[in-house]
PDB file of N, CA and C in Angstrom:
ATOM      1  N   MET A   1     114.396  52.192  78.895  1.00  0.00           N
ATOM      2  CA  MET A   1     113.671  51.146  79.580  1.00  0.00           C
ATOM      3  C   MET A   1     114.692  50.115  80.044  1.00  0.00           C
ATOM      4  N   ALA A   2     114.683  49.807  81.324  1.00  0.00           N
ATOM      5  CA  ALA A   2     115.645  48.869  81.881  1.00  0.00           C
ATOM      6  C   ALA A   2     115.119  47.446  81.793  1.00  0.00           C
ATOM      7  N   ALA A   3     116.030  46.540  81.466  1.00  0.00           N
ATOM      8  CA  ALA A   3     115.660  45.129  81.401  1.00  0.00           C
ATOM      9  C   ALA A   3     116.858  44.309  81.832  1.00  0.00           C
ATOM     10  N   THR A   4     116.596  43.143  82.362  1.00  0.00           N
ATOM     11  CA  THR A   4     117.659  42.235  82.767  1.00  0.00           C
ATOM     12  C   THR A   4     117.283  40.828  82.354  1.00  0.00           C
ATOM     13  N   LYS A   5     118.280  40.004  82.077  1.00  0.00           N
ATOM     14  CA  LYS A   5     117.987  38.625  81.695  1.00  0.00           C
ATOM     15  C   LYS A   5     117.661  37.812  82.937  1.00  0.00           C
ATOM     16  N   SER A   6     116.601  37.039  82.864  1.00  0.00           N
ATOM     17  CA  SER A   6     116.245  36.165  83.972  1.00  0.00           C
ATOM     18  C   SER A   6     116.888  34.796  83.749  1.00  0.00           C
ATOM     19  N   ALA A   7     116.868  33.980  84.780  1.00  0.00           N
ATOM     20  CA  ALA A   7     117.514  32.675  84.715  1.00  0.00           C
ATOM     21  C   ALA A   7     116.792  31.713  83.781  1.00  0.00           C
ATOM     22  N   ASN A   8     115.513  31.937  83.505  1.00  0.00           N
ATOM     23  CA  ASN A   8     114.760  30.983  82.692  1.00  0.00           C
ATOM     24  C   ASN A   8     114.834  31.334  81.217  1.00  0.00           C
ATOM     25  N   HIS A   9     115.690  30.592  80.505  1.00  0.00           N
ATOM     26  CA  HIS A   9     115.795  30.644  79.049  1.00  0.00           C
ATOM     27  C   HIS A   9     116.197  32.016  78.506  1.00  0.00           C
ATOM     28  N   GLY A  10     116.919  32.824  79.273  1.00  0.00           N
ATOM     29  CA  GLY A  10     117.408  34.101  78.776  1.00  0.00           C
ATOM     30  C   GLY A  10     116.330  35.122  78.483  1.00  0.00           C
ATOM     31  N   ALA A  11     115.130  34.936  78.990  1.00  0.00           N
ATOM     32  CA  ALA A  11     114.042  35.887  78.751  1.00  0.00           C
ATOM     33  C   ALA A  11     114.357  37.218  79.442  1.00  0.00           C
ATOM     34  N   GLN A  12     113.866  38.287  78.848  1.00  0.00           N
ATOM     35  CA  GLN A  12     114.091  39.599  79.417  1.00  0.00           C
ATOM     36  C   GLN A  12     113.080  39.888  80.522  1.00  0.00           C
ATOM     37  N   LYS A  13     113.571  40.322  81.680  1.00  0.00           N
ATOM     38  CA  LYS A  13     112.701  40.740  82.776  1.00  0.00           C
ATOM     39  C   LYS A  13     112.840  42.250  82.900  1.00  0.00           C
ATOM     40  N   GLN A  14     111.749  42.927  82.807  1.00  0.00           N
ATOM     41  CA  GLN A  14     111.768  44.384  82.820  1.00  0.00           C
ATOM     42  C   GLN A  14     111.931  44.910  84.240  1.00  0.00           C
ATOM     43  N   ARG A  15     112.774  45.916  84.381  1.00  0.00           N
ATOM     44  CA  ARG A  15     112.961  46.587  85.667  1.00  0.00           C
ATOM     45  C   ARG A  15     112.100  47.838  85.697  1.00  0.00           C
ATOM     46  N   PRO A  16     111.626  48.204  86.879  1.00  0.00           N
ATOM     47  CA  PRO A  16     110.828  49.432  86.964  1.00  0.00           C
ATOM     48  C   PRO A  16     111.690  50.677  86.772  1.00  0.00           C
ATOM     49  N   ILE A  17     111.085  51.728  86.235  1.00  0.00           N
ATOM     50  CA  ILE A  17     111.783  53.008  86.126  1.00  0.00           C
ATOM     51  C   ILE A  17     111.667  53.785  87.427  1.00  0.00           C
ATOM     52  N   PHE A  18     110.749  53.358  88.290  1.00  0.00           N
ATOM     53  CA  PHE A  18     110.556  53.976  89.603  1.00  0.00           C
ATOM     54  C   PHE A  18     110.018  52.908  90.542  1.00  0.00           C
ATOM     55  N   ALA A  19     110.533  52.870  91.751  1.00  0.00           N
ATOM     56  CA  ALA A  19     110.030  51.954  92.770  1.00  0.00           C
ATOM     57  C   ALA A  19     110.212  52.605  94.132  1.00  0.00           C
ATOM     58  N   GLN A  20     109.224  52.429  94.985  1.00  0.00           N
ATOM     59  CA  GLN A  20     109.288  52.988  96.336  1.00  0.00           C
ATOM     60  C   GLN A  20     108.446  52.119  97.250  1.00  0.00           C
ATOM     61  N   SER A  21     108.773  52.157  98.539  1.00  0.00           N
ATOM     62  CA  SER A  21     108.062  51.318  99.491  1.00  0.00           C
ATOM     63  C   SER A  21     107.816  52.063 100.793  1.00  0.00           C
ATOM     64  N   PHE A  22     106.633  51.913 101.336  1.00  0.00           N
ATOM     65  CA  PHE A  22     106.300  52.243 102.719  1.00  0.00           C
ATOM     66  C   PHE A  22     105.820  50.928 103.294  1.00  0.00           C
ATOM     67  N   PHE A  23     106.751  50.187 103.896  1.00  0.00           N
ATOM     68  CA  PHE A  23     106.446  48.821 104.301  1.00  0.00           C
ATOM     69  C   PHE A  23     105.135  48.770 105.065  1.00  0.00           C
ATOM     70  N   PRO A  24     104.254  47.849 104.674  1.00  0.00           N
ATOM     71  CA  PRO A  24     104.394  46.716 103.790  1.00  0.00           C
ATOM     72  C   PRO A  24     103.898  46.951 102.359  1.00  0.00           C
ATOM     73  N   VAL A  25     103.678  48.210 101.971  1.00  0.00           N
ATOM     74  CA  VAL A  25     103.132  48.513 100.645  1.00  0.00           C
ATOM     75  C   VAL A  25     104.258  48.978  99.721  1.00  0.00           C
ATOM     76  N   GLN A  26     104.237  48.488  98.469  1.00  0.00           N
ATOM     77  CA  GLN A  26     105.245  48.855  97.479  1.00  0.00           C
ATOM     78  C   GLN A  26     104.559  49.276  96.183  1.00  0.00           C
ATOM     79  N   VAL A  27     105.217  50.184  95.461  1.00  0.00           N
ATOM     80  CA  VAL A  27     104.747  50.579  94.137  1.00  0.00           C
ATOM     81  C   VAL A  27     105.920  50.494  93.166  1.00  0.00           C
ATOM     82  N   ALA A  28     105.625  50.110  91.936  1.00  0.00           N
ATOM     83  CA  ALA A  28     106.627  50.066  90.869  1.00  0.00           C
ATOM     84  C   ALA A  28     105.987  50.585  89.594  1.00  0.00           C
ATOM     85  N   VAL A  29     106.739  51.393  88.851  1.00  0.00           N
ATOM     86  CA  VAL A  29     106.271  51.953  87.580  1.00  0.00           C
ATOM     87  C   VAL A  29     107.130  51.364  86.468  1.00  0.00           C
ATOM     88  N   PHE A  30     106.468  50.872  85.435  1.00  0.00           N
ATOM     89  CA  PHE A  30     107.143  50.287  84.281  1.00  0.00           C
ATOM     90  C   PHE A  30     106.821  51.115  83.045  1.00  0.00           C
ATOM     91  N   GLU A  31     107.831  51.292  82.191  1.00  0.00           N
ATOM     92  CA  GLU A  31     107.650  52.036  80.945  1.00  0.00           C
ATOM     93  C   GLU A  31     107.693  51.057  79.778  1.00  0.00           C
ATOM     94  N   HIS A  32     106.725  51.198  78.871  1.00  0.00           N
ATOM     95  CA  HIS A  32     106.626  50.346  77.694  1.00  0.00           C
ATOM     96  C   HIS A  32     106.562  51.244  76.458  1.00  0.00           C
ATOM     97  N   PRO A  33     107.398  50.969  75.450  1.00  0.00           N
ATOM     98  CA  PRO A  33     107.304  51.781  74.236  1.00  0.00           C
ATOM     99  C   PRO A  33     106.025  51.453  73.470  1.00  0.00           C
ATOM    100  N   ASN A  34     105.418  52.479  72.903  1.00  0.00           N
ATOM    101  CA  ASN A  34     104.187  52.303  72.139  1.00  0.00           C
ATOM    102  C   ASN A  34     104.212  53.291  70.981  1.00  0.00           C
ATOM    103  N   GLU A  35     104.628  52.813  69.811  1.00  0.00           N
ATOM    104  CA  GLU A  35     104.710  53.650  68.617  1.00  0.00           C
ATOM    105  C   GLU A  35     105.519  54.922  68.874  1.00  0.00           C
ATOM    106  N   GLY A  36     106.672  54.753  69.531  1.00  0.00           N
ATOM    107  CA  GLY A  36     107.557  55.883  69.771  1.00  0.00           C
ATOM    108  C   GLY A  36     107.197  56.734  70.970  1.00  0.00           C
ATOM    109  N   ARG A  37     106.118  56.433  71.619  1.00  0.00           N
ATOM    110  CA  ARG A  37     105.709  57.192  72.804  1.00  0.00           C
ATOM    111  C   ARG A  37     105.677  56.246  74.004  1.00  0.00           C
ATOM    112  N   PRO A  38     106.036  56.769  75.164  1.00  0.00           N
ATOM    113  CA  PRO A  38     106.037  55.886  76.335  1.00  0.00           C
ATOM    114  C   PRO A  38     104.626  55.600  76.835  1.00  0.00           C
ATOM    115  N   ASN A  39     104.446  54.396  77.289  1.00  0.00           N
ATOM    116  CA  ASN A  39     103.218  53.973  77.942  1.00  0.00           C
ATOM    117  C   ASN A  39     103.649  53.435  79.305  1.00  0.00           C
ATOM    118  N   PHE A  40     102.860  53.658  80.338  1.00  0.00           N
ATOM    119  CA  PHE A  40     103.270  53.296  81.687  1.00  0.00           C
ATOM    120  C   PHE A  40     102.247  52.368  82.331  1.00  0.00           C
ATOM    121  N   SER A  41     102.755  51.469  83.154  1.00  0.00           N
ATOM    122  CA  SER A  41     101.891  50.654  83.996  1.00  0.00           C
ATOM    123  C   SER A  41     102.423  50.744  85.421  1.00  0.00           C
ATOM    124  N   VAL A  42     101.523  50.625  86.378  1.00  0.00           N
ATOM    125  CA  VAL A  42     101.865  50.773  87.791  1.00  0.00           C
ATOM    126  C   VAL A  42     101.425  49.522  88.533  1.00  0.00           C
ATOM    127  N   ARG A  43     102.321  49.013  89.355  1.00  0.00           N
ATOM    128  CA  ARG A  43     102.002  47.833  90.168  1.00  0.00           C
ATOM    129  C   ARG A  43     102.073  48.229  91.633  1.00  0.00           C
ATOM    130  N   LEU A  44     100.972  48.018  92.348  1.00  0.00           N
ATOM    131  CA  LEU A  44     100.884  48.310  93.777  1.00  0.00           C
ATOM    132  C   LEU A  44     100.649  46.995  94.505  1.00  0.00           C
ATOM    133  N   THR A  45     101.523  46.663  95.453  1.00  0.00           N
ATOM    134  CA  THR A  45     101.397  45.402  96.177  1.00  0.00           C
ATOM    135  C   THR A  45     101.610  45.625  97.668  1.00  0.00           C
ATOM    136  N   ARG A  46     101.173  44.629  98.436  1.00  0.00           N
ATOM    137  CA  ARG A  46     101.381  44.628  99.886  1.00  0.00           C
ATOM    138  C   ARG A  46     102.015  43.300 100.266  1.00  0.00           C
ATOM    139  N   SER A  47     103.047  43.353 101.087  1.00  0.00           N
ATOM    140  CA  SER A  47     103.712  42.146 101.569  1.00  0.00           C
ATOM    141  C   SER A  47     103.065  41.695 102.870  1.00  0.00           C
ATOM    142  N   PHE A  48     103.023  40.371 103.061  1.00  0.00           N
ATOM    143  CA  PHE A  48     102.454  39.834 104.308  1.00  0.00           C
ATOM    144  C   PHE A  48     103.002  38.436 104.553  1.00  0.00           C
ATOM    145  N   ARG A  49     102.856  38.002 105.790  1.00  0.00           N
ATOM    146  CA  ARG A  49     103.190  36.633 106.177  1.00  0.00           C
ATOM    147  C   ARG A  49     101.975  36.042 106.865  1.00  0.00           C
ATOM    148  N   ARG A  50     101.679  34.803 106.575  1.00  0.00           N
ATOM    149  CA  ARG A  50     100.525  34.141 107.194  1.00  0.00           C
ATOM    150  C   ARG A  50     100.775  33.831 108.668  1.00  0.00           C
ATOM    151  N   ASP A  51     102.038  33.545 109.003  1.00  0.00           N
ATOM    152  CA  ASP A  51     102.447  33.348 110.391  1.00  0.00           C
ATOM    153  C   ASP A  51     103.951  33.578 110.474  1.00  0.00           C
ATOM    154  N   GLU A  52     104.526  33.499 111.654  1.00  0.00           N
ATOM    155  CA  GLU A  52     105.944  33.789 111.849  1.00  0.00           C
ATOM    156  C   GLU A  52     106.876  32.853 111.083  1.00  0.00           C
ATOM    157  N   GLN A  53     106.452  31.635 110.811  1.00  0.00           N
ATOM    158  CA  GLN A  53     107.304  30.663 110.125  1.00  0.00           C
ATOM    159  C   GLN A  53     107.130  30.684 108.601  1.00  0.00           C
ATOM    160  N   SER A  54     106.122  31.325 108.096  1.00  0.00           N
ATOM    161  CA  SER A  54     105.853  31.288 106.656  1.00  0.00           C
ATOM    162  C   SER A  54     106.731  32.275 105.899  1.00  0.00           C
ATOM    163  N   GLU A  55     106.816  32.051 104.601  1.00  0.00           N
ATOM    164  CA  GLU A  55     107.557  32.939 103.704  1.00  0.00           C
ATOM    165  C   GLU A  55     106.735  34.210 103.457  1.00  0.00           C
ATOM    166  N   TRP A  56     107.425  35.289 103.071  1.00  0.00           N
ATOM    167  CA  TRP A  56     106.731  36.510 102.691  1.00  0.00           C
ATOM    168  C   TRP A  56     106.014  36.291 101.366  1.00  0.00           C
ATOM    169  N   GLU A  57     104.797  36.823 101.273  1.00  0.00           N
ATOM    170  CA  GLU A  57     103.992  36.774 100.060  1.00  0.00           C
ATOM    171  C   GLU A  57     103.559  38.189  99.714  1.00  0.00           C
ATOM    172  N   THR A  58     103.039  38.366  98.503  1.00  0.00           N
ATOM    173  CA  THR A  58     102.492  39.666  98.120  1.00  0.00           C
ATOM    174  C   THR A  58     101.055  39.497  97.640  1.00  0.00           C
ATOM    175  N   THR A  59     100.309  40.567  97.783  1.00  0.00           N
ATOM    176  CA  THR A  59      98.920  40.605  97.334  1.00  0.00           C
ATOM    177  C   THR A  59      98.615  41.998  96.813  1.00  0.00           C
ATOM    178  N   GLU A  60      97.572  42.100  95.994  1.00  0.00           N
ATOM    179  CA  GLU A  60      97.118  43.415  95.541  1.00  0.00           C
ATOM    180  C   GLU A  60      95.996  43.954  96.429  1.00  0.00           C
ATOM    181  N   TYR A  61      95.558  43.153  97.389  1.00  0.00           N
ATOM    182  CA  TYR A  61      94.495  43.577  98.306  1.00  0.00           C
ATOM    183  C   TYR A  61      95.088  44.370  99.463  1.00  0.00           C
ATOM    184  N   LEU A  62      94.458  45.488  99.785  1.00  0.00           N
ATOM    185  CA  LEU A  62      94.937  46.356 100.845  1.00  0.00           C
ATOM    186  C   LEU A  62      93.987  46.353 102.031  1.00  0.00           C
ATOM    187  N   SER A  63      94.536  46.569 103.205  1.00  0.00           N
ATOM    188  CA  SER A  63      93.708  46.743 104.391  1.00  0.00           C
ATOM    189  C   SER A  63      93.590  48.233 104.687  1.00  0.00           C
ATOM    190  N   VAL A  64      92.768  48.584 105.634  1.00  0.00           N
ATOM    191  CA  VAL A  64      92.516  49.993 105.939  1.00  0.00           C
ATOM    192  C   VAL A  64      93.808  50.728 106.269  1.00  0.00           C
ATOM    193  N   GLN A  65      94.683  50.123 107.063  1.00  0.00           N
ATOM    194  CA  GLN A  65      95.919  50.802 107.446  1.00  0.00           C
ATOM    195  C   GLN A  65      96.892  50.956 106.280  1.00  0.00           C
ATOM    196  N   ASP A  66      96.653  50.278 105.171  1.00  0.00           N
ATOM    197  CA  ASP A  66      97.511  50.407 103.985  1.00  0.00           C
ATOM    198  C   ASP A  66      97.100  51.554 103.074  1.00  0.00           C
ATOM    199  N   LEU A  67      95.923  52.109 103.275  1.00  0.00           N
ATOM    200  CA  LEU A  67      95.386  53.086 102.325  1.00  0.00           C
ATOM    201  C   LEU A  67      96.185  54.384 102.260  1.00  0.00           C
ATOM    202  N   LEU A  68      96.571  54.951 103.391  1.00  0.00           N
ATOM    203  CA  LEU A  68      97.336  56.196 103.365  1.00  0.00           C
ATOM    204  C   LEU A  68      98.726  55.993 102.753  1.00  0.00           C
ATOM    205  N   PRO A  69      99.481  54.962 103.184  1.00  0.00           N
ATOM    206  CA  PRO A  69     100.759  54.736 102.501  1.00  0.00           C
ATOM    207  C   PRO A  69     100.581  54.484 101.003  1.00  0.00           C
ATOM    208  N   ALA A  70      99.551  53.746 100.621  1.00  0.00           N
ATOM    209  CA  ALA A  70      99.307  53.474  99.204  1.00  0.00           C
ATOM    210  C   ALA A  70      99.030  54.772  98.450  1.00  0.00           C
ATOM    211  N   SER A  71      98.247  55.664  99.032  1.00  0.00           N
ATOM    212  CA  SER A  71      97.940  56.922  98.341  1.00  0.00           C
ATOM    213  C   SER A  71      99.197  57.762  98.163  1.00  0.00           C
ATOM    214  N   ARG A  72     100.077  57.763  99.158  1.00  0.00           N
ATOM    215  CA  ARG A  72     101.327  58.523  99.037  1.00  0.00           C
ATOM    216  C   ARG A  72     102.255  57.894  97.994  1.00  0.00           C
ATOM    217  N   LEU A  73     102.285  56.574  97.963  1.00  0.00           N
ATOM    218  CA  LEU A  73     103.107  55.895  96.962  1.00  0.00           C
ATOM    219  C   LEU A  73     102.568  56.143  95.554  1.00  0.00           C
ATOM    220  N   LEU A  74     101.252  56.124  95.398  1.00  0.00           N
ATOM    221  CA  LEU A  74     100.667  56.376  94.084  1.00  0.00           C
ATOM    222  C   LEU A  74     100.902  57.818  93.641  1.00  0.00           C
ATOM    223  N   THR A  75     100.896  58.757  94.582  1.00  0.00           N
ATOM    224  CA  THR A  75     101.222  60.144  94.255  1.00  0.00           C
ATOM    225  C   THR A  75     102.662  60.248  93.769  1.00  0.00           C
ATOM    226  N   ALA A  76     103.579  59.564  94.451  1.00  0.00           N
ATOM    227  CA  ALA A  76     104.982  59.563  94.036  1.00  0.00           C
ATOM    228  C   ALA A  76     105.140  58.910  92.665  1.00  0.00           C
ATOM    229  N   ALA A  77     104.403  57.838  92.416  1.00  0.00           N
ATOM    230  CA  ALA A  77     104.448  57.176  91.106  1.00  0.00           C
ATOM    231  C   ALA A  77     103.928  58.112  90.021  1.00  0.00           C
ATOM    232  N   TYR A  78     102.850  58.804  90.300  1.00  0.00           N
ATOM    233  CA  TYR A  78     102.287  59.765  89.353  1.00  0.00           C
ATOM    234  C   TYR A  78     103.312  60.849  89.029  1.00  0.00           C
ATOM    235  N   ASP A  79     103.965  61.376  90.063  1.00  0.00           N
ATOM    236  CA  ASP A  79     104.980  62.410  89.857  1.00  0.00           C
ATOM    237  C   ASP A  79     106.133  61.887  89.003  1.00  0.00           C
ATOM    238  N   ALA A  80     106.559  60.654  89.235  1.00  0.00           N
ATOM    239  CA  ALA A  80     107.646  60.061  88.449  1.00  0.00           C
ATOM    240  C   ALA A  80     107.236  59.914  86.987  1.00  0.00           C
ATOM    241  N   ILE A  81     106.004  59.514  86.744  1.00  0.00           N
ATOM    242  CA  ILE A  81     105.513  59.379  85.369  1.00  0.00           C
ATOM    243  C   ILE A  81     105.446  60.745  84.694  1.00  0.00           C
ATOM    244  N   GLN A  82     104.954  61.744  85.405  1.00  0.00           N
ATOM    245  CA  GLN A  82     104.873  63.085  84.831  1.00  0.00           C
ATOM    246  C   GLN A  82     106.261  63.610  84.487  1.00  0.00           C
ATOM    247  N   GLN A  83     107.222  63.375  85.368  1.00  0.00           N
ATOM    248  CA  GLN A  83     108.590  63.809  85.106  1.00  0.00           C
ATOM    249  C   GLN A  83     109.151  63.120  83.861  1.00  0.00           C
ATOM    250  N   ARG A  84     108.911  61.825  83.740  1.00  0.00           N
ATOM    251  CA  ARG A  84     109.396  61.080  82.569  1.00  0.00           C
ATOM    252  C   ARG A  84     108.730  61.580  81.285  1.00  0.00           C
ATOM    253  N   GLN A  85     107.430  61.861  81.342  1.00  0.00           N
ATOM    254  CA  GLN A  85     106.733  62.376  80.164  1.00  0.00           C
ATOM    255  C   GLN A  85     107.278  63.742  79.758  1.00  0.00           C
ATOM    256  N   GLU A  86     107.607  64.576  80.731  1.00  0.00           N
ATOM    257  CA  GLU A  86     108.211  65.876  80.419  1.00  0.00           C
ATOM    258  C   GLU A  86     109.575  65.701  79.764  1.00  0.00           C
ATOM    259  N   GLU A  87     110.376  64.726  80.246  1.00  0.00           N
ATOM    260  CA  GLU A  87     111.677  64.447  79.642  1.00  0.00           C
ATOM    261  C   GLU A  87     111.513  64.033  78.185  1.00  0.00           C
ATOM    262  N   VAL A  88     110.571  63.145  77.924  1.00  0.00           N
ATOM    263  CA  VAL A  88     110.327  62.677  76.560  1.00  0.00           C
ATOM    264  C   VAL A  88     109.890  63.846  75.680  1.00  0.00           C
ATOM    265  N   TYR A  89     109.016  64.701  76.196  1.00  0.00           N
ATOM    266  CA  TYR A  89     108.549  65.863  75.437  1.00  0.00           C
ATOM    267  C   TYR A  89     109.716  66.787  75.096  1.00  0.00           C
ATOM    268  N   ARG A  90     110.585  67.058  76.089  1.00  0.00           N
ATOM    269  CA  ARG A  90     111.736  67.931  75.834  1.00  0.00           C
ATOM    270  C   ARG A  90     112.683  67.311  74.815  1.00  0.00           C
ATOM    271  N   GLU A  91     112.900  66.004  74.900  1.00  0.00           N
ATOM    272  CA  GLU A  91     113.756  65.317  73.920  1.00  0.00           C
ATOM    273  C   GLU A  91     113.186  65.458  72.517  1.00  0.00           C
ATOM    274  N   ARG A  92     111.892  65.296  72.388  1.00  0.00           N
ATOM    275  CA  ARG A  92     111.253  65.444  71.066  1.00  0.00           C
ATOM    276  C   ARG A  92     111.369  66.861  70.547  1.00  0.00           C
ATOM    277  N   GLN A  93     111.162  67.828  71.426  1.00  0.00           N
ATOM    278  CA  GLN A  93     111.276  69.228  71.012  1.00  0.00           C
ATOM    279  C   GLN A  93     112.706  69.512  70.574  1.00  0.00           C
ATOM    280  N   HIS A  94     113.671  68.983  71.289  1.00  0.00           N
ATOM    281  CA  HIS A  94     115.080  69.190  70.940  1.00  0.00           C
ATOM    282  C   HIS A  94     115.391  68.540  69.595  1.00  0.00           C
ATOM    283  N   ASP A  95     114.876  67.333  69.382  1.00  0.00           N
ATOM    284  CA  ASP A  95     115.087  66.636  68.106  1.00  0.00           C
ATOM    285  C   ASP A  95     114.463  67.416  66.951  1.00  0.00           C
ATOM    286  N   ARG A  96     113.285  67.951  67.162  1.00  0.00           N
ATOM    287  CA  ARG A  96     112.624  68.731  66.101  1.00  0.00           C
ATOM    288  C   ARG A  96     113.407  69.998  65.795  1.00  0.00           C
ATOM    289  N   THR A  97     113.930  70.641  66.837  1.00  0.00           N
ATOM    290  CA  THR A  97     114.723  71.850  66.643  1.00  0.00           C
ATOM    291  C   THR A  97     115.979  71.528  65.860  1.00  0.00           C
ATOM    292  N   ASP A  98     116.640  70.405  66.196  1.00  0.00           N
ATOM    293  CA  ASP A  98     117.838  69.983  65.467  1.00  0.00           C
ATOM    294  C   ASP A  98     117.517  69.714  64.005  1.00  0.00           C
ATOM    295  N   GLN A  99     116.407  69.044  63.731  1.00  0.00           N
ATOM    296  CA  GLN A  99     116.039  68.720  62.363  1.00  0.00           C
ATOM    297  C   GLN A  99     115.739  69.981  61.570  1.00  0.00           C
ATOM    298  N   ARG A 100     115.075  70.937  62.191  1.00  0.00           N
ATOM    299  CA  ARG A 100     114.778  72.197  61.481  1.00  0.00           C
ATOM    300  C   ARG A 100     116.063  72.955  61.181  1.00  0.00           C
ATOM    301  N   GLY A 101     117.001  72.929  62.104  1.00  0.00           N
ATOM    302  CA  GLY A 101     118.253  73.649  61.904  1.00  0.00           C
ATOM    303  C   GLY A 101     119.064  73.058  60.766  1.00  0.00           C
ATOM    304  N   ARG A 102     118.982  71.767  60.565  1.00  0.00           N
ATOM    305  CA  ARG A 102     119.744  71.115  59.506  1.00  0.00           C
ATOM    306  C   ARG A 102     119.106  71.323  58.128  1.00  0.00           C
ATOM    307  N   GLN A 103     117.827  71.570  58.098  1.00  0.00           N
ATOM    308  CA  GLN A 103     117.136  71.731  56.814  1.00  0.00           C
ATOM    309  C   GLN A 103     117.524  73.043  56.130  1.00  0.00           C
ATOM    310  N   PHE A 104     117.847  74.053  56.892  1.00  0.00           N
ATOM    311  CA  PHE A 104     118.119  75.354  56.295  1.00  0.00           C
ATOM    312  C   PHE A 104     119.546  75.567  56.022  1.00  0.00           C
TER     313      PHE A 104
END
């Protein structure tokens, strides 16, 4: 799990394990440990500007033209999570095999 220190009081800011964008829609996947097993959360946002002079903002609300890019991004996020879960499963299987080999 990736983390970086933020400027405010040395608090840890978590980095996503997967991020992708089809402008203006972005997705990020975060991994959280939960009793030795990974737990995942997904953040889907859309960037927008209120006018040409305003700063970029983000929202979780999508418009009709955002739906197809969002669905493709969510599919990619799902695939990334599945790949990570398979990695964790293989690591556990390898650890169990190592432990059994040492017992005998």
